[in-house]
Amino acid sequence: MTIATERSGDVLVLLPQGRLDSNNAAAVESEILAHVTAGTNRIVVDFSGLDYISSAGLRVVLVVAKRLKQAGGALVLCRLPAHIREVFEISGFLSILKSADTREDALAAVSA
């Protein structure tokens, strides 16, 4: 799994590619939380390149969302492929996390 990063103003855009599962969840969590610890408090995650997410991956998303909320920031998910969206829907995460269809909409939502 790789995570490319981009900046849009003061918003960090993460672009995970591959599989987010128990094999790499701890490393991914550490990598993202390092950005939060360094002062980033608004993050958009573009899931268009993600092939698979497990419960361990869902936990990473939840931990990051909670940490950002504590820091007065926000997390918005976007461009979820249908099979990834289904995992988030079944888990109930889409009822507690913000999501958008496009990156532009996600950037607007995280800045609101």
PDB file of N, CA and C in Angstrom:
ATOM      1  N   MET A   1       0.846  -1.171   0.000  1.00  0.00           N
ATOM      2  CA  MET A   1       0.000   0.000   0.000  1.00  0.00           C
ATOM      3  C   MET A   1       0.887   1.228   0.000  1.00  0.00           C
ATOM      4  N   THR A   2       0.484   2.212  -0.765  1.00  0.00           N
ATOM      5  CA  THR A   2       1.171   3.494  -0.769  1.00  0.00           C
ATOM      6  C   THR A   2       0.150   4.592  -0.522  1.00  0.00           C
ATOM      7  N   ILE A   3       0.631   5.706   0.023  1.00  0.00           N
ATOM      8  CA  ILE A   3      -0.239   6.863   0.226  1.00  0.00           C
ATOM      9  C   ILE A   3       0.471   8.080  -0.341  1.00  0.00           C
ATOM     10  N   ALA A   4      -0.041   8.559  -1.467  1.00  0.00           N
ATOM     11  CA  ALA A   4       0.466   9.803  -2.032  1.00  0.00           C
ATOM     12  C   ALA A   4      -0.195  10.947  -1.274  1.00  0.00           C
ATOM     13  N   THR A   5       0.491  12.074  -1.197  1.00  0.00           N
ATOM     14  CA  THR A   5      -0.075  13.241  -0.525  1.00  0.00           C
ATOM     15  C   THR A   5      -0.010  14.444  -1.457  1.00  0.00           C
ATOM     16  N   GLU A   6      -1.010  15.287  -1.341  1.00  0.00           N
ATOM     17  CA  GLU A   6      -1.065  16.541  -2.066  1.00  0.00           C
ATOM     18  C   GLU A   6      -1.561  17.595  -1.099  1.00  0.00           C
ATOM     19  N   ARG A   7      -1.283  18.838  -1.411  1.00  0.00           N
ATOM     20  CA  ARG A   7      -1.787  19.953  -0.606  1.00  0.00           C
ATOM     21  C   ARG A   7      -2.719  20.796  -1.457  1.00  0.00           C
ATOM     22  N   SER A   8      -3.798  21.221  -0.859  1.00  0.00           N
ATOM     23  CA  SER A   8      -4.706  22.177  -1.474  1.00  0.00           C
ATOM     24  C   SER A   8      -4.928  23.255  -0.426  1.00  0.00           C
ATOM     25  N   GLY A   9      -4.127  24.313  -0.489  1.00  0.00           N
ATOM     26  CA  GLY A   9      -4.145  25.308   0.576  1.00  0.00           C
ATOM     27  C   GLY A   9      -3.626  24.659   1.842  1.00  0.00           C
ATOM     28  N   ASP A  10      -4.405  24.756   2.911  1.00  0.00           N
ATOM     29  CA  ASP A  10      -3.983  24.131   4.171  1.00  0.00           C
ATOM     30  C   ASP A  10      -4.642  22.773   4.403  1.00  0.00           C
ATOM     31  N   VAL A  11      -5.223  22.210   3.347  1.00  0.00           N
ATOM     32  CA  VAL A  11      -5.853  20.890   3.430  1.00  0.00           C
ATOM     33  C   VAL A  11      -4.894  19.850   2.865  1.00  0.00           C
ATOM     34  N   LEU A  12      -4.697  18.781   3.623  1.00  0.00           N
ATOM     35  CA  LEU A  12      -3.884  17.658   3.159  1.00  0.00           C
ATOM     36  C   LEU A  12      -4.807  16.660   2.470  1.00  0.00           C
ATOM     37  N   VAL A  13      -4.463  16.304   1.241  1.00  0.00           N
ATOM     38  CA  VAL A  13      -5.227  15.295   0.499  1.00  0.00           C
ATOM     39  C   VAL A  13      -4.398  14.017   0.473  1.00  0.00           C
ATOM     40  N   LEU A  14      -4.973  12.944   0.983  1.00  0.00           N
ATOM     41  CA  LEU A  14      -4.316  11.635   0.998  1.00  0.00           C
ATOM     42  C   LEU A  14      -4.919  10.771  -0.095  1.00  0.00           C
ATOM     43  N   LEU A  15      -4.057  10.064  -0.818  1.00  0.00           N
ATOM     44  CA  LEU A  15      -4.501   9.200  -1.903  1.00  0.00           C
ATOM     45  C   LEU A  15      -3.953   7.788  -1.684  1.00  0.00           C
ATOM     46  N   PRO A  16      -4.634   7.001  -0.833  1.00  0.00           N
ATOM     47  CA  PRO A  16      -4.167   5.631  -0.599  1.00  0.00           C
ATOM     48  C   PRO A  16      -4.385   4.768  -1.832  1.00  0.00           C
ATOM     49  N   GLN A  17      -3.430   3.883  -2.097  1.00  0.00           N
ATOM     50  CA  GLN A  17      -3.553   2.966  -3.222  1.00  0.00           C
ATOM     51  C   GLN A  17      -3.207   1.565  -2.760  1.00  0.00           C
ATOM     52  N   GLY A  18      -4.019   0.610  -3.202  1.00  0.00           N
ATOM     53  CA  GLY A  18      -3.775  -0.783  -2.834  1.00  0.00           C
ATOM     54  C   GLY A  18      -4.780  -1.276  -1.821  1.00  0.00           C
ATOM     55  N   ARG A  19      -4.261  -1.971  -0.811  1.00  0.00           N
ATOM     56  CA  ARG A  19      -5.105  -2.590   0.215  1.00  0.00           C
ATOM     57  C   ARG A  19      -4.780  -1.987   1.580  1.00  0.00           C
ATOM     58  N   LEU A  20      -5.816  -1.630   2.319  1.00  0.00           N
ATOM     59  CA  LEU A  20      -5.644  -1.158   3.694  1.00  0.00           C
ATOM     60  C   LEU A  20      -6.220  -2.244   4.597  1.00  0.00           C
ATOM     61  N   ASP A  21      -5.307  -3.009   5.210  1.00  0.00           N
ATOM     62  CA  ASP A  21      -5.735  -4.145   6.010  1.00  0.00           C
ATOM     63  C   ASP A  21      -4.821  -4.309   7.220  1.00  0.00           C
ATOM     64  N   SER A  22      -4.966  -5.410   7.915  1.00  0.00           N
ATOM     65  CA  SER A  22      -4.213  -5.620   9.155  1.00  0.00           C
ATOM     66  C   SER A  22      -2.703  -5.674   8.928  1.00  0.00           C
ATOM     67  N   ASN A  23      -2.282  -5.967   7.719  1.00  0.00           N
ATOM     68  CA  ASN A  23      -0.849  -6.023   7.433  1.00  0.00           C
ATOM     69  C   ASN A  23      -0.179  -4.649   7.452  1.00  0.00           C
ATOM     70  N   ASN A  24      -0.946  -3.601   7.160  1.00  0.00           N
ATOM     71  CA  ASN A  24      -0.339  -2.278   7.079  1.00  0.00           C
ATOM     72  C   ASN A  24      -1.079  -1.192   7.856  1.00  0.00           C
ATOM     73  N   ALA A  25      -2.145  -1.540   8.539  1.00  0.00           N
ATOM     74  CA  ALA A  25      -2.969  -0.552   9.224  1.00  0.00           C
ATOM     75  C   ALA A  25      -2.175   0.273  10.250  1.00  0.00           C
ATOM     76  N   ALA A  26      -1.348  -0.371  11.045  1.00  0.00           N
ATOM     77  CA  ALA A  26      -0.585   0.352  12.067  1.00  0.00           C
ATOM     78  C   ALA A  26       0.362   1.365  11.430  1.00  0.00           C
ATOM     79  N   ALA A  27       1.024   0.979  10.357  1.00  0.00           N
ATOM     80  CA  ALA A  27       1.948   1.894   9.680  1.00  0.00           C
ATOM     81  C   ALA A  27       1.197   3.060   9.041  1.00  0.00           C
ATOM     82  N   VAL A  28       0.054   2.771   8.436  1.00  0.00           N
ATOM     83  CA  VAL A  28      -0.754   3.822   7.817  1.00  0.00           C
ATOM     84  C   VAL A  28      -1.258   4.790   8.883  1.00  0.00           C
ATOM     85  N   GLU A  29      -1.735   4.252   9.993  1.00  0.00           N
ATOM     86  CA  GLU A  29      -2.211   5.096  11.095  1.00  0.00           C
ATOM     87  C   GLU A  29      -1.087   6.007  11.589  1.00  0.00           C
ATOM     88  N   SER A  30       0.089   5.461  11.797  1.00  0.00           N
ATOM     89  CA  SER A  30       1.229   6.257  12.264  1.00  0.00           C
ATOM     90  C   SER A  30       1.574   7.354  11.270  1.00  0.00           C
ATOM     91  N   GLU A  31       1.566   7.008   9.993  1.00  0.00           N
ATOM     92  CA  GLU A  31       1.907   7.982   8.949  1.00  0.00           C
ATOM     93  C   GLU A  31       0.920   9.150   8.927  1.00  0.00           C
ATOM     94  N   ILE A  32      -0.362   8.832   9.005  1.00  0.00           N
ATOM     95  CA  ILE A  32      -1.377   9.892   8.953  1.00  0.00           C
ATOM     96  C   ILE A  32      -1.357  10.718  10.240  1.00  0.00           C
ATOM     97  N   LEU A  33      -1.251  10.054  11.383  1.00  0.00           N
ATOM     98  CA  LEU A  33      -1.244  10.790  12.654  1.00  0.00           C
ATOM     99  C   LEU A  33      -0.003  11.662  12.795  1.00  0.00           C
ATOM    100  N   ALA A  34       1.082  11.322  12.120  1.00  0.00           N
ATOM    101  CA  ALA A  34       2.269  12.181  12.132  1.00  0.00           C
ATOM    102  C   ALA A  34       1.941  13.533  11.500  1.00  0.00           C
ATOM    103  N   HIS A  35       1.118  13.525  10.458  1.00  0.00           N
ATOM    104  CA  HIS A  35       0.687  14.791   9.844  1.00  0.00           C
ATOM    105  C   HIS A  35      -0.157  15.603  10.826  1.00  0.00           C
ATOM    106  N   VAL A  36      -1.048  14.916  11.546  1.00  0.00           N
ATOM    107  CA  VAL A  36      -1.913  15.589  12.519  1.00  0.00           C
ATOM    108  C   VAL A  36      -1.070  16.176  13.653  1.00  0.00           C
ATOM    109  N   THR A  37      -0.131  15.399  14.151  1.00  0.00           N
ATOM    110  CA  THR A  37       0.752  15.863  15.214  1.00  0.00           C
ATOM    111  C   THR A  37       1.568  17.072  14.768  1.00  0.00           C
ATOM    112  N   ALA A  38       1.901  17.105  13.474  1.00  0.00           N
ATOM    113  CA  ALA A  38       2.680  18.221  12.927  1.00  0.00           C
ATOM    114  C   ALA A  38       1.829  19.466  12.677  1.00  0.00           C
ATOM    115  N   GLY A  39       0.520  19.369  12.933  1.00  0.00           N
ATOM    116  CA  GLY A  39      -0.324  20.552  12.821  1.00  0.00           C
ATOM    117  C   GLY A  39      -1.380  20.528  11.739  1.00  0.00           C
ATOM    118  N   THR A  40      -1.400  19.501  10.918  1.00  0.00           N
ATOM    119  CA  THR A  40      -2.451  19.399   9.903  1.00  0.00           C
ATOM    120  C   THR A  40      -3.746  19.018  10.591  1.00  0.00           C
ATOM    121  N   ASN A  41      -4.791  19.826  10.385  1.00  0.00           N
ATOM    122  CA  ASN A  41      -6.047  19.475  11.042  1.00  0.00           C
ATOM    123  C   ASN A  41      -7.234  19.374  10.082  1.00  0.00           C
ATOM    124  N   ARG A  42      -6.952  19.488   8.798  1.00  0.00           N
ATOM    125  CA  ARG A  42      -8.010  19.274   7.805  1.00  0.00           C
ATOM    126  C   ARG A  42      -7.474  18.326   6.736  1.00  0.00           C
ATOM    127  N   ILE A  43      -8.132  17.170   6.626  1.00  0.00           N
ATOM    128  CA  ILE A  43      -7.669  16.118   5.728  1.00  0.00           C
ATOM    129  C   ILE A  43      -8.827  15.615   4.868  1.00  0.00           C
ATOM    130  N   VAL A  44      -8.529  15.446   3.585  1.00  0.00           N
ATOM    131  CA  VAL A  44      -9.432  14.783   2.640  1.00  0.00           C
ATOM    132  C   VAL A  44      -8.746  13.483   2.238  1.00  0.00           C
ATOM    133  N   VAL A  45      -9.490  12.380   2.276  1.00  0.00           N
ATOM    134  CA  VAL A  45      -8.954  11.098   1.821  1.00  0.00           C
ATOM    135  C   VAL A  45      -9.693  10.714   0.546  1.00  0.00           C
ATOM    136  N   ASP A  46      -8.939  10.648  -0.553  1.00  0.00           N
ATOM    137  CA  ASP A  46      -9.470  10.272  -1.858  1.00  0.00           C
ATOM    138  C   ASP A  46      -9.250   8.770  -2.021  1.00  0.00           C
ATOM    139  N   PHE A  47     -10.329   8.009  -1.922  1.00  0.00           N
ATOM    140  CA  PHE A  47     -10.248   6.549  -1.933  1.00  0.00           C
ATOM    141  C   PHE A  47     -10.295   5.939  -3.332  1.00  0.00           C
ATOM    142  N   SER A  48     -10.199   6.750  -4.387  1.00  0.00           N
ATOM    143  CA  SER A  48     -10.357   6.226  -5.748  1.00  0.00           C
ATOM    144  C   SER A  48      -9.329   5.150  -6.102  1.00  0.00           C
ATOM    145  N   GLY A  49      -8.170   5.131  -5.453  1.00  0.00           N
ATOM    146  CA  GLY A  49      -7.151   4.136  -5.751  1.00  0.00           C
ATOM    147  C   GLY A  49      -7.115   2.976  -4.776  1.00  0.00           C
ATOM    148  N   LEU A  50      -8.058   2.937  -3.837  1.00  0.00           N
ATOM    149  CA  LEU A  50      -8.063   1.861  -2.849  1.00  0.00           C
ATOM    150  C   LEU A  50      -8.803   0.647  -3.396  1.00  0.00           C
ATOM    151  N   ASP A  51      -8.164  -0.516  -3.303  1.00  0.00           N
ATOM    152  CA  ASP A  51      -8.769  -1.745  -3.810  1.00  0.00           C
ATOM    153  C   ASP A  51      -9.555  -2.499  -2.750  1.00  0.00           C
ATOM    154  N   TYR A  52      -9.136  -2.345  -1.480  1.00  0.00           N
ATOM    155  CA  TYR A  52      -9.725  -3.158  -0.410  1.00  0.00           C
ATOM    156  C   TYR A  52      -9.503  -2.447   0.919  1.00  0.00           C
ATOM    157  N   ILE A  53     -10.499  -2.543   1.799  1.00  0.00           N
ATOM    158  CA  ILE A  53     -10.338  -2.052   3.169  1.00  0.00           C
ATOM    159  C   ILE A  53     -10.945  -3.077   4.122  1.00  0.00           C
ATOM    160  N   SER A  54     -10.193  -3.413   5.162  1.00  0.00           N
ATOM    161  CA  SER A  54     -10.661  -4.372   6.166  1.00  0.00           C
ATOM    162  C   SER A  54     -11.145  -3.606   7.392  1.00  0.00           C
ATOM    163  N   SER A  55     -11.570  -4.349   8.392  1.00  0.00           N
ATOM    164  CA  SER A  55     -11.994  -3.711   9.642  1.00  0.00           C
ATOM    165  C   SER A  55     -10.821  -2.971  10.282  1.00  0.00           C
ATOM    166  N   ALA A  56      -9.614  -3.466  10.105  1.00  0.00           N
ATOM    167  CA  ALA A  56      -8.435  -2.767  10.630  1.00  0.00           C
ATOM    168  C   ALA A  56      -8.258  -1.425   9.917  1.00  0.00           C
ATOM    169  N   GLY A  57      -8.548  -1.397   8.638  1.00  0.00           N
ATOM    170  CA  GLY A  57      -8.483  -0.151   7.881  1.00  0.00           C
ATOM    171  C   GLY A  57      -9.565   0.816   8.309  1.00  0.00           C
ATOM    172  N   LEU A  58     -10.761   0.303   8.562  1.00  0.00           N
ATOM    173  CA  LEU A  58     -11.846   1.156   9.057  1.00  0.00           C
ATOM    174  C   LEU A  58     -11.462   1.780  10.395  1.00  0.00           C
ATOM    175  N   ARG A  59     -10.808   1.009  11.228  1.00  0.00           N
ATOM    176  CA  ARG A  59     -10.366   1.516  12.528  1.00  0.00           C
ATOM    177  C   ARG A  59      -9.409   2.691  12.351  1.00  0.00           C
ATOM    178  N   VAL A  60      -8.505   2.594  11.376  1.00  0.00           N
ATOM    179  CA  VAL A  60      -7.568   3.686  11.108  1.00  0.00           C
ATOM    180  C   VAL A  60      -8.335   4.963  10.770  1.00  0.00           C
ATOM    181  N   VAL A  61      -9.321   4.841   9.892  1.00  0.00           N
ATOM    182  CA  VAL A  61     -10.125   6.007   9.501  1.00  0.00           C
ATOM    183  C   VAL A  61     -10.815   6.598  10.725  1.00  0.00           C
ATOM    184  N   LEU A  62     -11.375   5.760  11.573  1.00  0.00           N
ATOM    185  CA  LEU A  62     -12.063   6.233  12.763  1.00  0.00           C
ATOM    186  C   LEU A  62     -11.107   6.914  13.742  1.00  0.00           C
ATOM    187  N   VAL A  63      -9.941   6.340  13.962  1.00  0.00           N
ATOM    188  CA  VAL A  63      -8.947   6.929  14.862  1.00  0.00           C
ATOM    189  C   VAL A  63      -8.527   8.309  14.351  1.00  0.00           C
ATOM    190  N   VAL A  64      -8.273   8.406  13.057  1.00  0.00           N
ATOM    191  CA  VAL A  64      -7.861   9.685  12.471  1.00  0.00           C
ATOM    192  C   VAL A  64      -8.981  10.716  12.606  1.00  0.00           C
ATOM    193  N   ALA A  65     -10.217  10.309  12.333  1.00  0.00           N
ATOM    194  CA  ALA A  65     -11.353  11.231  12.451  1.00  0.00           C
ATOM    195  C   ALA A  65     -11.493  11.744  13.884  1.00  0.00           C
ATOM    196  N   LYS A  66     -11.357  10.853  14.854  1.00  0.00           N
ATOM    197  CA  LYS A  66     -11.465  11.268  16.259  1.00  0.00           C
ATOM    198  C   LYS A  66     -10.348  12.219  16.652  1.00  0.00           C
ATOM    199  N   ARG A  67      -9.125  11.918  16.218  1.00  0.00           N
ATOM    200  CA  ARG A  67      -7.980  12.776  16.547  1.00  0.00           C
ATOM    201  C   ARG A  67      -8.161  14.167  15.921  1.00  0.00           C
ATOM    202  N   LEU A  68      -8.639  14.207  14.687  1.00  0.00           N
ATOM    203  CA  LEU A  68      -8.864  15.496  14.031  1.00  0.00           C
ATOM    204  C   LEU A  68      -9.965  16.283  14.728  1.00  0.00           C
ATOM    205  N   LYS A  69     -11.009  15.600  15.149  1.00  0.00           N
ATOM    206  CA  LYS A  69     -12.099  16.275  15.849  1.00  0.00           C
ATOM    207  C   LYS A  69     -11.587  16.877  17.156  1.00  0.00           C
ATOM    208  N   GLN A  70     -10.750  16.137  17.879  1.00  0.00           N
ATOM    209  CA  GLN A  70     -10.167  16.640  19.123  1.00  0.00           C
ATOM    210  C   GLN A  70      -9.301  17.872  18.867  1.00  0.00           C
ATOM    211  N   ALA A  71      -8.683  17.925  17.685  1.00  0.00           N
ATOM    212  CA  ALA A  71      -7.797  19.039  17.332  1.00  0.00           C
ATOM    213  C   ALA A  71      -8.566  20.196  16.696  1.00  0.00           C
ATOM    214  N   GLY A  72      -9.891  20.079  16.645  1.00  0.00           N
ATOM    215  CA  GLY A  72     -10.700  21.139  16.043  1.00  0.00           C
ATOM    216  C   GLY A  72     -10.680  21.103  14.527  1.00  0.00           C
ATOM    217  N   GLY A  73     -10.301  19.967  13.967  1.00  0.00           N
ATOM    218  CA  GLY A  73     -10.213  19.838  12.520  1.00  0.00           C
ATOM    219  C   GLY A  73     -11.333  18.997  11.952  1.00  0.00           C
ATOM    220  N   ALA A  74     -11.101  18.506  10.731  1.00  0.00           N
ATOM    221  CA  ALA A  74     -12.137  17.730  10.055  1.00  0.00           C
ATOM    222  C   ALA A  74     -11.512  16.744   9.083  1.00  0.00           C
ATOM    223  N   LEU A  75     -12.265  15.672   8.840  1.00  0.00           N
ATOM    224  CA  LEU A  75     -11.892  14.642   7.873  1.00  0.00           C
ATOM    225  C   LEU A  75     -13.069  14.462   6.930  1.00  0.00           C
ATOM    226  N   VAL A  76     -12.787  14.456   5.629  1.00  0.00           N
ATOM    227  CA  VAL A  76     -13.823  14.177   4.643  1.00  0.00           C
ATOM    228  C   VAL A  76     -13.289  13.120   3.687  1.00  0.00           C
ATOM    229  N   LEU A  77     -14.104  12.109   3.436  1.00  0.00           N
ATOM    230  CA  LEU A  77     -13.766  11.030   2.518  1.00  0.00           C
ATOM    231  C   LEU A  77     -14.367  11.343   1.156  1.00  0.00           C
ATOM    232  N   CYS A  78     -13.688  10.947   0.083  1.00  0.00           N
ATOM    233  CA  CYS A  78     -14.273  11.177  -1.231  1.00  0.00           C
ATOM    234  C   CYS A  78     -13.878  10.099  -2.222  1.00  0.00           C
ATOM    235  N   ARG A  79     -14.637  10.085  -3.324  1.00  0.00           N
ATOM    236  CA  ARG A  79     -14.395   9.198  -4.458  1.00  0.00           C
ATOM    237  C   ARG A  79     -14.278   7.735  -4.040  1.00  0.00           C
ATOM    238  N   LEU A  80     -15.205   7.299  -3.181  1.00  0.00           N
ATOM    239  CA  LEU A  80     -15.193   5.909  -2.727  1.00  0.00           C
ATOM    240  C   LEU A  80     -15.721   4.998  -3.832  1.00  0.00           C
ATOM    241  N   PRO A  81     -14.925   4.025  -4.289  1.00  0.00           N
ATOM    242  CA  PRO A  81     -15.450   3.041  -5.243  1.00  0.00           C
ATOM    243  C   PRO A  81     -16.647   2.309  -4.616  1.00  0.00           C
ATOM    244  N   ALA A  82     -17.524   1.791  -5.435  1.00  0.00           N
ATOM    245  CA  ALA A  82     -18.765   1.166  -4.942  1.00  0.00           C
ATOM    246  C   ALA A  82     -18.504   0.104  -3.881  1.00  0.00           C
ATOM    247  N   HIS A  83     -17.519  -0.751  -4.082  1.00  0.00           N
ATOM    248  CA  HIS A  83     -17.270  -1.828  -3.113  1.00  0.00           C
ATOM    249  C   HIS A  83     -16.688  -1.288  -1.805  1.00  0.00           C
ATOM    250  N   ILE A  84     -15.959  -0.183  -1.846  1.00  0.00           N
ATOM    251  CA  ILE A  84     -15.446   0.439  -0.620  1.00  0.00           C
ATOM    252  C   ILE A  84     -16.579   1.189   0.086  1.00  0.00           C
ATOM    253  N   ARG A  85     -17.406   1.895  -0.689  1.00  0.00           N
ATOM    254  CA  ARG A  85     -18.561   2.604  -0.121  1.00  0.00           C
ATOM    255  C   ARG A  85     -19.469   1.623   0.617  1.00  0.00           C
ATOM    256  N   GLU A  86     -19.652   0.446   0.045  1.00  0.00           N
ATOM    257  CA  GLU A  86     -20.508  -0.563   0.667  1.00  0.00           C
ATOM    258  C   GLU A  86     -19.968  -0.965   2.042  1.00  0.00           C
ATOM    259  N   VAL A  87     -18.659  -1.128   2.157  1.00  0.00           N
ATOM    260  CA  VAL A  87     -18.056  -1.478   3.451  1.00  0.00           C
ATOM    261  C   VAL A  87     -18.323  -0.366   4.474  1.00  0.00           C
ATOM    262  N   PHE A  88     -18.161   0.890   4.052  1.00  0.00           N
ATOM    263  CA  PHE A  88     -18.419   2.015   4.958  1.00  0.00           C
ATOM    264  C   PHE A  88     -19.896   2.093   5.333  1.00  0.00           C
ATOM    265  N   GLU A  89     -20.790   1.801   4.382  1.00  0.00           N
ATOM    266  CA  GLU A  89     -22.231   1.836   4.668  1.00  0.00           C
ATOM    267  C   GLU A  89     -22.623   0.717   5.641  1.00  0.00           C
ATOM    268  N   ILE A  90     -22.165  -0.495   5.374  1.00  0.00           N
ATOM    269  CA  ILE A  90     -22.518  -1.639   6.223  1.00  0.00           C
ATOM    270  C   ILE A  90     -22.007  -1.435   7.650  1.00  0.00           C
ATOM    271  N   SER A  91     -20.823  -0.845   7.769  1.00  0.00           N
ATOM    272  CA  SER A  91     -20.247  -0.617   9.097  1.00  0.00           C
ATOM    273  C   SER A  91     -20.921   0.534   9.836  1.00  0.00           C
ATOM    274  N   GLY A  92     -21.705   1.323   9.122  1.00  0.00           N
ATOM    275  CA  GLY A  92     -22.354   2.484   9.733  1.00  0.00           C
ATOM    276  C   GLY A  92     -21.471   3.722   9.760  1.00  0.00           C
ATOM    277  N   PHE A  93     -20.281   3.636   9.188  1.00  0.00           N
ATOM    278  CA  PHE A  93     -19.346   4.760   9.244  1.00  0.00           C
ATOM    279  C   PHE A  93     -19.813   5.963   8.435  1.00  0.00           C
ATOM    280  N   LEU A  94     -20.572   5.735   7.357  1.00  0.00           N
ATOM    281  CA  LEU A  94     -21.011   6.875   6.559  1.00  0.00           C
ATOM    282  C   LEU A  94     -22.041   7.724   7.294  1.00  0.00           C
ATOM    283  N   SER A  95     -22.614   7.174   8.365  1.00  0.00           N
ATOM    284  CA  SER A  95     -23.559   7.979   9.153  1.00  0.00           C
ATOM    285  C   SER A  95     -22.828   8.864  10.161  1.00  0.00           C
ATOM    286  N   ILE A  96     -21.543   8.581  10.412  1.00  0.00           N
ATOM    287  CA  ILE A  96     -20.801   9.388  11.393  1.00  0.00           C
ATOM    288  C   ILE A  96     -19.633  10.150  10.769  1.00  0.00           C
ATOM    289  N   LEU A  97     -19.296   9.836   9.522  1.00  0.00           N
ATOM    290  CA  LEU A  97     -18.199  10.518   8.834  1.00  0.00           C
ATOM    291  C   LEU A  97     -18.739  11.282   7.631  1.00  0.00           C
ATOM    292  N   LYS A  98     -18.087  12.383   7.298  1.00  0.00           N
ATOM    293  CA  LYS A  98     -18.476  13.148   6.116  1.00  0.00           C
ATOM    294  C   LYS A  98     -17.866  12.503   4.881  1.00  0.00           C
ATOM    295  N   SER A  99     -18.651  12.477   3.803  1.00  0.00           N
ATOM    296  CA  SER A  99     -18.125  11.970   2.540  1.00  0.00           C
ATOM    297  C   SER A  99     -18.666  12.824   1.402  1.00  0.00           C
ATOM    298  N   ALA A 100     -17.965  12.780   0.280  1.00  0.00           N
ATOM    299  CA  ALA A 100     -18.357  13.537  -0.899  1.00  0.00           C
ATOM    300  C   ALA A 100     -18.065  12.700  -2.136  1.00  0.00           C
ATOM    301  N   ASP A 101     -18.777  12.986  -3.198  1.00  0.00           N
ATOM    302  CA  ASP A 101     -18.562  12.243  -4.438  1.00  0.00           C
ATOM    303  C   ASP A 101     -17.294  12.682  -5.154  1.00  0.00           C
ATOM    304  N   THR A 102     -16.984  13.974  -5.113  1.00  0.00           N
ATOM    305  CA  THR A 102     -15.823  14.491  -5.833  1.00  0.00           C
ATOM    306  C   THR A 102     -14.815  15.091  -4.859  1.00  0.00           C
ATOM    307  N   ARG A 103     -13.587  15.222  -5.319  1.00  0.00           N
ATOM    308  CA  ARG A 103     -12.568  15.838  -4.477  1.00  0.00           C
ATOM    309  C   ARG A 103     -12.898  17.307  -4.240  1.00  0.00           C
ATOM    310  N   GLU A 104     -13.421  17.984  -5.261  1.00  0.00           N
ATOM    311  CA  GLU A 104     -13.794  19.398  -5.109  1.00  0.00           C
ATOM    312  C   GLU A 104     -14.829  19.581  -4.010  1.00  0.00           C
ATOM    313  N   ASP A 105     -15.845  18.709  -4.013  1.00  0.00           N
ATOM    314  CA  ASP A 105     -16.888  18.781  -2.974  1.00  0.00           C
ATOM    315  C   ASP A 105     -16.292  18.481  -1.598  1.00  0.00           C
ATOM    316  N   ALA A 106     -15.356  17.540  -1.539  1.00  0.00           N
ATOM    317  CA  ALA A 106     -14.715  17.191  -0.264  1.00  0.00           C
ATOM    318  C   ALA A 106     -13.892  18.374   0.251  1.00  0.00           C
ATOM    319  N   LEU A 107     -13.158  19.024  -0.628  1.00  0.00           N
ATOM    320  CA  LEU A 107     -12.360  20.187  -0.215  1.00  0.00           C
ATOM    321  C   LEU A 107     -13.261  21.304   0.302  1.00  0.00           C
ATOM    322  N   ALA A 108     -14.400  21.502  -0.350  1.00  0.00           N
ATOM    323  CA  ALA A 108     -15.348  22.523   0.111  1.00  0.00           C
ATOM    324  C   ALA A 108     -15.916  22.140   1.475  1.00  0.00           C
ATOM    325  N   ALA A 109     -16.239  20.849   1.662  1.00  0.00           N
ATOM    326  CA  ALA A 109     -16.824  20.393   2.929  1.00  0.00           C
ATOM    327  C   ALA A 109     -15.843  20.471   4.090  1.00  0.00           C
ATOM    328  N   VAL A 110     -14.578  20.150   3.854  1.00  0.00           N
ATOM    329  CA  VAL A 110     -13.597  20.162   4.927  1.00  0.00           C
ATOM    330  C   VAL A 110     -13.240  21.612   5.312  1.00  0.00           C
ATOM    331  N   SER A 111     -13.468  22.531   4.394  1.00  0.00           N
ATOM    332  CA  SER A 111     -13.157  23.939   4.666  1.00  0.00           C
ATOM    333  C   SER A 111     -14.342  24.692   5.263  1.00  0.00           C
ATOM    334  N   ALA A 112     -15.521  24.054   5.262  1.00  0.00           N
ATOM    335  CA  ALA A 112     -16.728  24.728   5.766  1.00  0.00           C
ATOM    336  C   ALA A 112     -16.748  24.800   7.281  1.00  0.00           C
TER     337      ALA A 112
END
